[in-house]
Amino acid sequence: MSTGKRKRYWLMKSEPEDFSIDDLERVGTEPWTGVRNYQARNFMRDGMQLGDGVLFYHSNCDVPGIYGIAEVASAAYPDPTQFERKSKYFDAKATPEEPRWMLVDVGFVRRFEAPVTLAAIRERADALGEEFALIRKGSRLSVLPVTAAQWKILLAMEPK
């Protein structure tokens, strides 16, 4: 019987012109900076564990979708951009003693040959369930939990 914690799964969105799966493959591991939504921050701070699976999603592009797989590569720690006055993510209310924004490092696992598109994901909405936040109306979170069942369905949708 395993004494470790159960692996969790996540979907993390990035605009490919800012940071793409290609960029992650090139650098290997990257801090997931710039999240400024409390719920998404809380997922990273309180929910993510080293080794958790990540679906790497390209948003705000011609073909939004899942472009590859990554993994959580660190425990949560303060996002340094909140303290950088010249950063678009600067937060005047954050201090090193009391940071407001946390992040995790994300490590490259593999890229998909072709994306699992948002259109294809919507076609499988019944199988994914109405609790799947990516396709729920009004949900705009950049970090979303994914159940083990949803993870399996989405991976099985990868074009071969």
Protein backbone atom coordinates (compact mmCIF):
# COMPACT_ATOMS: atom_id res chain seq x y z
CA MET A 1 0.00 0.00 0.00
CA SER A 2 1.39 3.39 -0.99
CA THR A 3 2.06 5.89 1.77
CA GLY A 4 2.58 8.80 -0.65
CA LYS A 5 -0.01 11.36 -1.57
CA ARG A 6 -2.20 10.71 -4.57
CA LYS A 7 -0.99 12.34 -7.76
CA ARG A 8 -3.14 15.23 -8.91
CA TYR A 9 -3.70 16.66 -12.35
CA TRP A 10 -4.00 20.22 -13.63
CA LEU A 11 -4.51 22.24 -16.77
CA MET A 12 -2.36 25.37 -17.02
CA LYS A 13 -3.01 27.99 -19.69
CA SER A 14 -0.42 30.15 -21.38
CA GLU A 15 -0.64 32.44 -24.37
CA PRO A 16 1.88 30.96 -26.81
CA GLU A 17 3.30 34.37 -27.75
CA ASP A 18 4.19 34.82 -24.06
CA PHE A 19 5.34 31.26 -23.27
CA SER A 20 4.61 28.15 -25.36
CA ILE A 21 5.18 24.42 -25.07
CA ASP A 22 8.12 25.00 -27.45
CA ASP A 23 9.61 27.45 -24.94
CA LEU A 24 9.13 24.97 -22.10
CA GLU A 25 10.76 22.20 -24.13
CA ARG A 26 13.72 24.51 -24.83
CA VAL A 27 14.28 25.60 -21.19
CA GLY A 28 13.18 22.35 -19.49
CA THR A 29 11.78 23.95 -16.34
CA GLU A 30 10.18 27.37 -15.85
CA PRO A 31 8.61 29.30 -12.95
CA TRP A 32 4.88 29.82 -13.68
CA THR A 33 4.95 33.57 -13.01
CA GLY A 34 2.25 36.18 -13.34
CA VAL A 35 -0.84 34.40 -12.00
CA ARG A 36 -2.97 37.14 -10.43
CA ASN A 37 -6.17 35.30 -9.63
CA TYR A 38 -6.65 34.18 -6.03
CA GLN A 39 -8.32 30.87 -6.89
CA ALA A 40 -5.57 29.94 -9.38
CA ARG A 41 -2.94 31.02 -6.83
CA ASN A 42 -4.58 28.85 -4.19
CA PHE A 43 -4.47 25.83 -6.52
CA MET A 44 -0.72 26.34 -6.93
CA ARG A 45 -0.09 27.18 -3.26
CA ASP A 46 -2.36 24.64 -1.58
CA GLY A 47 -3.12 21.93 -4.13
CA MET A 48 -0.11 21.28 -6.32
CA GLN A 49 2.51 18.74 -5.35
CA LEU A 50 5.84 17.81 -6.87
CA GLY A 51 5.26 15.40 -9.76
CA ASP A 52 1.62 16.32 -10.42
CA GLY A 53 0.62 16.10 -14.08
CA VAL A 54 0.00 19.27 -16.09
CA LEU A 55 -1.83 19.63 -19.39
CA PHE A 56 -0.10 22.54 -21.15
CA TYR A 57 -2.84 24.60 -22.82
CA HIS A 58 -2.34 27.37 -25.39
CA SER A 59 -4.99 30.07 -25.00
CA ASN A 60 -5.82 33.23 -26.90
CA CYS A 61 -4.46 31.90 -30.19
CA ASP A 62 -5.74 30.63 -33.55
CA VAL A 63 -6.10 27.04 -32.35
CA PRO A 64 -6.55 26.93 -28.58
CA GLY A 65 -5.95 23.54 -27.06
CA ILE A 66 -3.68 21.18 -25.16
CA TYR A 67 -0.25 21.12 -26.79
CA GLY A 68 1.65 18.86 -24.44
CA ILE A 69 2.30 17.54 -20.97
CA ALA A 70 4.36 19.02 -18.17
CA GLU A 71 4.70 18.30 -14.48
CA VAL A 72 4.87 20.29 -11.28
CA ALA A 73 8.62 20.58 -10.64
CA SER A 74 8.71 22.44 -7.30
CA ALA A 75 6.76 23.24 -4.21
CA ALA A 76 5.00 26.62 -4.23
CA TYR A 77 7.10 29.70 -3.49
CA PRO A 78 6.63 33.49 -3.80
CA ASP A 79 6.35 34.82 -7.35
CA PRO A 80 9.31 37.24 -7.63
CA THR A 81 7.54 39.39 -10.24
CA GLN A 82 5.20 40.76 -7.53
CA PHE A 83 8.20 42.62 -6.05
CA GLU A 84 9.66 43.96 -9.34
CA ARG A 85 8.49 47.54 -9.87
CA LYS A 86 9.05 47.35 -13.64
CA SER A 87 7.11 44.09 -14.03
CA LYS A 88 3.55 44.14 -15.34
CA TYR A 89 2.87 41.74 -12.45
CA PHE A 90 4.16 44.12 -9.74
CA ASP A 91 1.92 44.29 -6.64
CA ALA A 92 2.57 47.27 -4.37
CA LYS A 93 0.80 45.52 -1.47
CA ALA A 94 3.07 42.47 -1.58
CA THR A 95 6.24 42.30 0.53
CA PRO A 96 8.91 39.61 0.82
CA GLU A 97 7.72 39.09 4.41
CA GLU A 98 4.08 38.79 3.31
CA PRO A 99 3.91 37.77 -0.34
CA ARG A 100 0.50 37.72 -1.98
CA TRP A 101 1.29 35.64 -5.05
CA MET A 102 2.76 32.17 -5.25
CA LEU A 103 3.96 30.00 -8.11
CA VAL A 104 5.35 26.57 -8.90
CA ASP A 105 8.01 25.56 -11.36
CA VAL A 106 6.73 23.54 -14.31
CA GLY A 107 8.87 20.96 -16.09
CA PHE A 108 8.58 19.73 -19.68
CA VAL A 109 7.46 16.12 -20.19
CA ARG A 110 6.44 15.88 -23.85
CA ARG A 111 4.74 17.71 -26.68
CA PHE A 112 1.80 16.43 -28.69
CA GLU A 113 2.22 15.89 -32.44
CA ALA A 114 -1.00 17.87 -32.86
CA PRO A 115 -3.06 19.65 -30.22
CA VAL A 116 -6.18 18.40 -28.54
CA THR A 117 -8.22 21.39 -29.66
CA LEU A 118 -10.78 23.27 -27.62
CA ALA A 119 -13.34 22.33 -30.29
CA ALA A 120 -12.55 18.62 -29.80
CA ILE A 121 -12.70 19.05 -26.01
CA ARG A 122 -16.14 20.68 -26.30
CA GLU A 123 -17.32 17.70 -28.37
CA ARG A 124 -16.47 15.45 -25.41
CA ALA A 125 -18.17 17.71 -22.84
CA ASP A 126 -20.58 14.94 -21.79
CA ALA A 127 -17.72 12.55 -21.00
CA LEU A 128 -15.66 15.24 -19.23
CA GLY A 129 -18.57 16.32 -17.03
CA GLU A 130 -20.07 19.71 -16.36
CA GLU A 131 -17.62 20.32 -13.50
CA PHE A 132 -14.74 20.53 -16.03
CA ALA A 133 -13.93 24.22 -15.68
CA LEU A 134 -12.29 24.70 -19.10
CA ILE A 135 -15.61 24.35 -20.90
CA ARG A 136 -17.86 25.81 -18.21
CA LYS A 137 -19.30 29.19 -19.19
CA GLY A 138 -17.71 32.12 -17.42
CA SER A 139 -14.62 30.22 -16.27
CA ARG A 140 -11.44 32.07 -17.16
CA LEU A 141 -8.96 30.59 -14.70
CA SER A 142 -5.41 30.01 -15.94
CA VAL A 143 -4.88 27.07 -13.56
CA LEU A 144 -7.59 24.42 -13.35
CA PRO A 145 -7.89 21.11 -11.52
CA VAL A 146 -8.42 18.02 -13.68
CA THR A 147 -9.72 14.73 -12.30
CA ALA A 148 -7.89 11.47 -13.01
CA ALA A 149 -10.81 10.41 -15.24
CA GLN A 150 -10.71 13.70 -17.19
CA TRP A 151 -6.91 13.37 -17.54
CA LYS A 152 -7.32 9.90 -19.10
CA ILE A 153 -10.05 11.10 -21.49
CA LEU A 154 -8.02 14.14 -22.59
CA LEU A 155 -4.83 12.10 -23.13
CA ALA A 156 -6.80 9.53 -25.14
CA MET A 157 -7.94 12.38 -27.42
CA GLU A 158 -4.36 13.16 -28.48
CA PRO A 159 -4.19 12.94 -32.30
CA LYS A 160 -1.89 10.11 -33.37
